[in-house]
Amino acid sequence: MATVLSVSGSPSASSRTNRLLRHLDQRLTAQGHEVVPLDIRAVPAEAL
């Protein structure tokens, strides 16, 4: 199956968009895809 990069860029820790994205990650994983989540908030500002 496919490898999917799941990118969340919301500055809010309680983002509804982020919750939806994680739900989709679970569904894709259940279908056999490999999901690589990337939360931009976790990336140091210097790296951006």
PDB file of N, CA and C in Angstrom:
ATOM      1  N   MET A   1       0.839  -1.185   0.000  1.00  0.00           N
ATOM      2  CA  MET A   1       0.000   0.000   0.000  1.00  0.00           C
ATOM      3  C   MET A   1       0.885   1.249   0.000  1.00  0.00           C
ATOM      4  N   ALA A   2       0.252   2.394   0.088  1.00  0.00           N
ATOM      5  CA  ALA A   2       0.950   3.676  -0.011  1.00  0.00           C
ATOM      6  C   ALA A   2       1.475   4.144   1.342  1.00  0.00           C
ATOM      7  N   THR A   3       2.498   4.990   1.279  1.00  0.00           N
ATOM      8  CA  THR A   3       2.970   5.709   2.459  1.00  0.00           C
ATOM      9  C   THR A   3       2.421   7.120   2.355  1.00  0.00           C
ATOM     10  N   VAL A   4       1.760   7.580   3.424  1.00  0.00           N
ATOM     11  CA  VAL A   4       1.087   8.875   3.429  1.00  0.00           C
ATOM     12  C   VAL A   4       1.744   9.775   4.465  1.00  0.00           C
ATOM     13  N   LEU A   5       2.163  10.967   4.054  1.00  0.00           N
ATOM     14  CA  LEU A   5       2.674  11.969   4.986  1.00  0.00           C
ATOM     15  C   LEU A   5       1.500  12.839   5.397  1.00  0.00           C
ATOM     16  N   SER A   6       1.176  12.815   6.673  1.00  0.00           N
ATOM     17  CA  SER A   6       0.027  13.528   7.218  1.00  0.00           C
ATOM     18  C   SER A   6       0.548  14.765   7.955  1.00  0.00           C
ATOM     19  N   VAL A   7       0.372  15.944   7.357  1.00  0.00           N
ATOM     20  CA  VAL A   7       0.952  17.181   7.889  1.00  0.00           C
ATOM     21  C   VAL A   7      -0.111  18.032   8.550  1.00  0.00           C
ATOM     22  N   SER A   8       0.128  18.373   9.815  1.00  0.00           N
ATOM     23  CA  SER A   8      -0.751  19.271  10.556  1.00  0.00           C
ATOM     24  C   SER A   8       0.022  20.554  10.835  1.00  0.00           C
ATOM     25  N   GLY A   9      -0.556  21.677  10.427  1.00  0.00           N
ATOM     26  CA  GLY A   9       0.123  22.955  10.610  1.00  0.00           C
ATOM     27  C   GLY A   9      -0.598  23.907  11.534  1.00  0.00           C
ATOM     28  N   SER A  10      -1.602  23.426  12.243  1.00  0.00           N
ATOM     29  CA  SER A  10      -2.371  24.296  13.123  1.00  0.00           C
ATOM     30  C   SER A  10      -1.547  24.711  14.340  1.00  0.00           C
ATOM     31  N   PRO A  11      -1.601  25.987  14.720  1.00  0.00           N
ATOM     32  CA  PRO A  11      -0.881  26.431  15.914  1.00  0.00           C
ATOM     33  C   PRO A  11      -1.583  26.034  17.213  1.00  0.00           C
ATOM     34  N   SER A  12      -2.815  25.582  17.120  1.00  0.00           N
ATOM     35  CA  SER A  12      -3.600  25.241  18.307  1.00  0.00           C
ATOM     36  C   SER A  12      -3.419  23.776  18.682  1.00  0.00           C
ATOM     37  N   ALA A  13      -3.142  23.522  19.956  1.00  0.00           N
ATOM     38  CA  ALA A  13      -2.983  22.147  20.434  1.00  0.00           C
ATOM     39  C   ALA A  13      -4.307  21.390  20.417  1.00  0.00           C
ATOM     40  N   SER A  14      -5.414  22.100  20.524  1.00  0.00           N
ATOM     41  CA  SER A  14      -6.731  21.448  20.543  1.00  0.00           C
ATOM     42  C   SER A  14      -7.478  21.666  19.227  1.00  0.00           C
ATOM     43  N   SER A  15      -6.759  21.729  18.141  1.00  0.00           N
ATOM     44  CA  SER A  15      -7.322  21.994  16.823  1.00  0.00           C
ATOM     45  C   SER A  15      -8.289  20.899  16.386  1.00  0.00           C
ATOM     46  N   ARG A  16      -9.457  21.300  15.924  1.00  0.00           N
ATOM     47  CA  ARG A  16     -10.420  20.331  15.386  1.00  0.00           C
ATOM     48  C   ARG A  16      -9.898  19.736  14.084  1.00  0.00           C
ATOM     49  N   THR A  17      -9.194  20.543  13.313  1.00  0.00           N
ATOM     50  CA  THR A  17      -8.614  20.040  12.066  1.00  0.00           C
ATOM     51  C   THR A  17      -7.591  18.949  12.364  1.00  0.00           C
ATOM     52  N   ASN A  18      -6.789  19.150  13.399  1.00  0.00           N
ATOM     53  CA  ASN A  18      -5.797  18.146  13.782  1.00  0.00           C
ATOM     54  C   ASN A  18      -6.484  16.857  14.241  1.00  0.00           C
ATOM     55  N   ARG A  19      -7.568  16.976  14.995  1.00  0.00           N
ATOM     56  CA  ARG A  19      -8.313  15.786  15.426  1.00  0.00           C
ATOM     57  C   ARG A  19      -8.864  15.020  14.221  1.00  0.00           C
ATOM     58  N   LEU A  20      -9.387  15.751  13.250  1.00  0.00           N
ATOM     59  CA  LEU A  20      -9.903  15.117  12.036  1.00  0.00           C
ATOM     60  C   LEU A  20      -8.778  14.411  11.282  1.00  0.00           C
ATOM     61  N   LEU A  21      -7.638  15.066  11.186  1.00  0.00           N
ATOM     62  CA  LEU A  21      -6.496  14.483  10.487  1.00  0.00           C
ATOM     63  C   LEU A  21      -6.046  13.194  11.161  1.00  0.00           C
ATOM     64  N   ARG A  22      -5.979  13.171  12.486  1.00  0.00           N
ATOM     65  CA  ARG A  22      -5.570  11.962  13.208  1.00  0.00           C
ATOM     66  C   ARG A  22      -6.599  10.839  13.019  1.00  0.00           C
ATOM     67  N   HIS A  23      -7.864  11.210  12.947  1.00  0.00           N
ATOM     68  CA  HIS A  23      -8.911  10.216  12.673  1.00  0.00           C
ATOM     69  C   HIS A  23      -8.688   9.604  11.284  1.00  0.00           C
ATOM     70  N   LEU A  24      -8.402  10.450  10.312  1.00  0.00           N
ATOM     71  CA  LEU A  24      -8.127   9.954   8.960  1.00  0.00           C
ATOM     72  C   LEU A  24      -6.870   9.089   8.936  1.00  0.00           C
ATOM     73  N   ASP A  25      -5.872   9.461   9.743  1.00  0.00           N
ATOM     74  CA  ASP A  25      -4.654   8.643   9.861  1.00  0.00           C
ATOM     75  C   ASP A  25      -5.014   7.226  10.300  1.00  0.00           C
ATOM     76  N   GLN A  26      -5.884   7.128  11.306  1.00  0.00           N
ATOM     77  CA  GLN A  26      -6.291   5.817  11.822  1.00  0.00           C
ATOM     78  C   GLN A  26      -7.023   5.010  10.751  1.00  0.00           C
ATOM     79  N   ARG A  27      -7.884   5.662  10.014  1.00  0.00           N
ATOM     80  CA  ARG A  27      -8.637   4.962   8.963  1.00  0.00           C
ATOM     81  C   ARG A  27      -7.706   4.467   7.859  1.00  0.00           C
ATOM     82  N   LEU A  28      -6.754   5.317   7.470  1.00  0.00           N
ATOM     83  CA  LEU A  28      -5.801   4.907   6.437  1.00  0.00           C
ATOM     84  C   LEU A  28      -4.941   3.740   6.912  1.00  0.00           C
ATOM     85  N   THR A  29      -4.516   3.798   8.176  1.00  0.00           N
ATOM     86  CA  THR A  29      -3.725   2.708   8.747  1.00  0.00           C
ATOM     87  C   THR A  29      -4.533   1.413   8.763  1.00  0.00           C
ATOM     88  N   ALA A  30      -5.803   1.507   9.124  1.00  0.00           N
ATOM     89  CA  ALA A  30      -6.674   0.328   9.153  1.00  0.00           C
ATOM     90  C   ALA A  30      -6.841  -0.283   7.761  1.00  0.00           C
ATOM     91  N   GLN A  31      -6.699   0.541   6.730  1.00  0.00           N
ATOM     92  CA  GLN A  31      -6.816   0.054   5.354  1.00  0.00           C
ATOM     93  C   GLN A  31      -5.489  -0.477   4.818  1.00  0.00           C
ATOM     94  N   GLY A  32      -4.446  -0.437   5.662  1.00  0.00           N
ATOM     95  CA  GLY A  32      -3.170  -1.017   5.266  1.00  0.00           C
ATOM     96  C   GLY A  32      -2.116  -0.033   4.796  1.00  0.00           C
ATOM     97  N   HIS A  33      -2.421   1.255   4.831  1.00  0.00           N
ATOM     98  CA  HIS A  33      -1.445   2.261   4.421  1.00  0.00           C
ATOM     99  C   HIS A  33      -0.513   2.583   5.584  1.00  0.00           C
ATOM    100  N   GLU A  34       0.687   3.009   5.264  1.00  0.00           N
ATOM    101  CA  GLU A  34       1.611   3.482   6.290  1.00  0.00           C
ATOM    102  C   GLU A  34       1.433   4.993   6.385  1.00  0.00           C
ATOM    103  N   VAL A  35       1.156   5.487   7.591  1.00  0.00           N
ATOM    104  CA  VAL A  35       0.940   6.916   7.796  1.00  0.00           C
ATOM    105  C   VAL A  35       2.089   7.472   8.625  1.00  0.00           C
ATOM    106  N   VAL A  36       2.695   8.559   8.134  1.00  0.00           N
ATOM    107  CA  VAL A  36       3.764   9.248   8.843  1.00  0.00           C
ATOM    108  C   VAL A  36       3.219  10.614   9.252  1.00  0.00           C
ATOM    109  N   PRO A  37       2.844  10.776  10.539  1.00  0.00           N
ATOM    110  CA  PRO A  37       2.304  12.061  10.976  1.00  0.00           C
ATOM    111  C   PRO A  37       3.421  13.084  11.206  1.00  0.00           C
ATOM    112  N   LEU A  38       3.171  14.319  10.806  1.00  0.00           N
ATOM    113  CA  LEU A  38       4.117  15.407  11.036  1.00  0.00           C
ATOM    114  C   LEU A  38       3.346  16.594  11.583  1.00  0.00           C
ATOM    115  N   ASP A  39       3.646  16.944  12.829  1.00  0.00           N
ATOM    116  CA  ASP A  39       3.004  18.081  13.483  1.00  0.00           C
ATOM    117  C   ASP A  39       3.998  19.241  13.447  1.00  0.00           C
ATOM    118  N   ILE A  40       3.706  20.244  12.654  1.00  0.00           N
ATOM    119  CA  ILE A  40       4.624  21.370  12.468  1.00  0.00           C
ATOM    120  C   ILE A  40       4.914  22.084  13.793  1.00  0.00           C
ATOM    121  N   ARG A  41       3.950  22.061  14.734  1.00  0.00           N
ATOM    122  CA  ARG A  41       4.186  22.693  16.040  1.00  0.00           C
ATOM    123  C   ARG A  41       5.358  22.059  16.770  1.00  0.00           C
ATOM    124  N   ALA A  42       5.646  20.791  16.488  1.00  0.00           N
ATOM    125  CA  ALA A  42       6.723  20.077  17.165  1.00  0.00           C
ATOM    126  C   ALA A  42       8.095  20.358  16.549  1.00  0.00           C
ATOM    127  N   VAL A  43       8.121  21.008  15.395  1.00  0.00           N
ATOM    128  CA  VAL A  43       9.385  21.316  14.721  1.00  0.00           C
ATOM    129  C   VAL A  43       9.935  22.625  15.295  1.00  0.00           C
ATOM    130  N   PRO A  44      11.209  22.650  15.709  1.00  0.00           N
ATOM    131  CA  PRO A  44      11.785  23.888  16.241  1.00  0.00           C
ATOM    132  C   PRO A  44      11.726  25.020  15.209  1.00  0.00           C
ATOM    133  N   ALA A  45      11.466  26.228  15.679  1.00  0.00           N
ATOM    134  CA  ALA A  45      11.348  27.386  14.791  1.00  0.00           C
ATOM    135  C   ALA A  45      12.615  27.591  13.961  1.00  0.00           C
ATOM    136  N   GLU A  46      13.757  27.270  14.535  1.00  0.00           N
ATOM    137  CA  GLU A  46      15.022  27.451  13.823  1.00  0.00           C
ATOM    138  C   GLU A  46      15.085  26.568  12.574  1.00  0.00           C
ATOM    139  N   ALA A  47      14.430  25.415  12.635  1.00  0.00           N
ATOM    140  CA  ALA A  47      14.449  24.489  11.502  1.00  0.00           C
ATOM    141  C   ALA A  47      13.557  24.963  10.364  1.00  0.00           C
ATOM    142  N   LEU A  48      12.623  25.853  10.681  1.00  0.00           N
ATOM    143  CA  LEU A  48      11.723  26.349   9.651  1.00  0.00           C
ATOM    144  C   LEU A  48      12.358  27.526   8.953  1.00  0.00           C
TER     145      LEU A  48
END
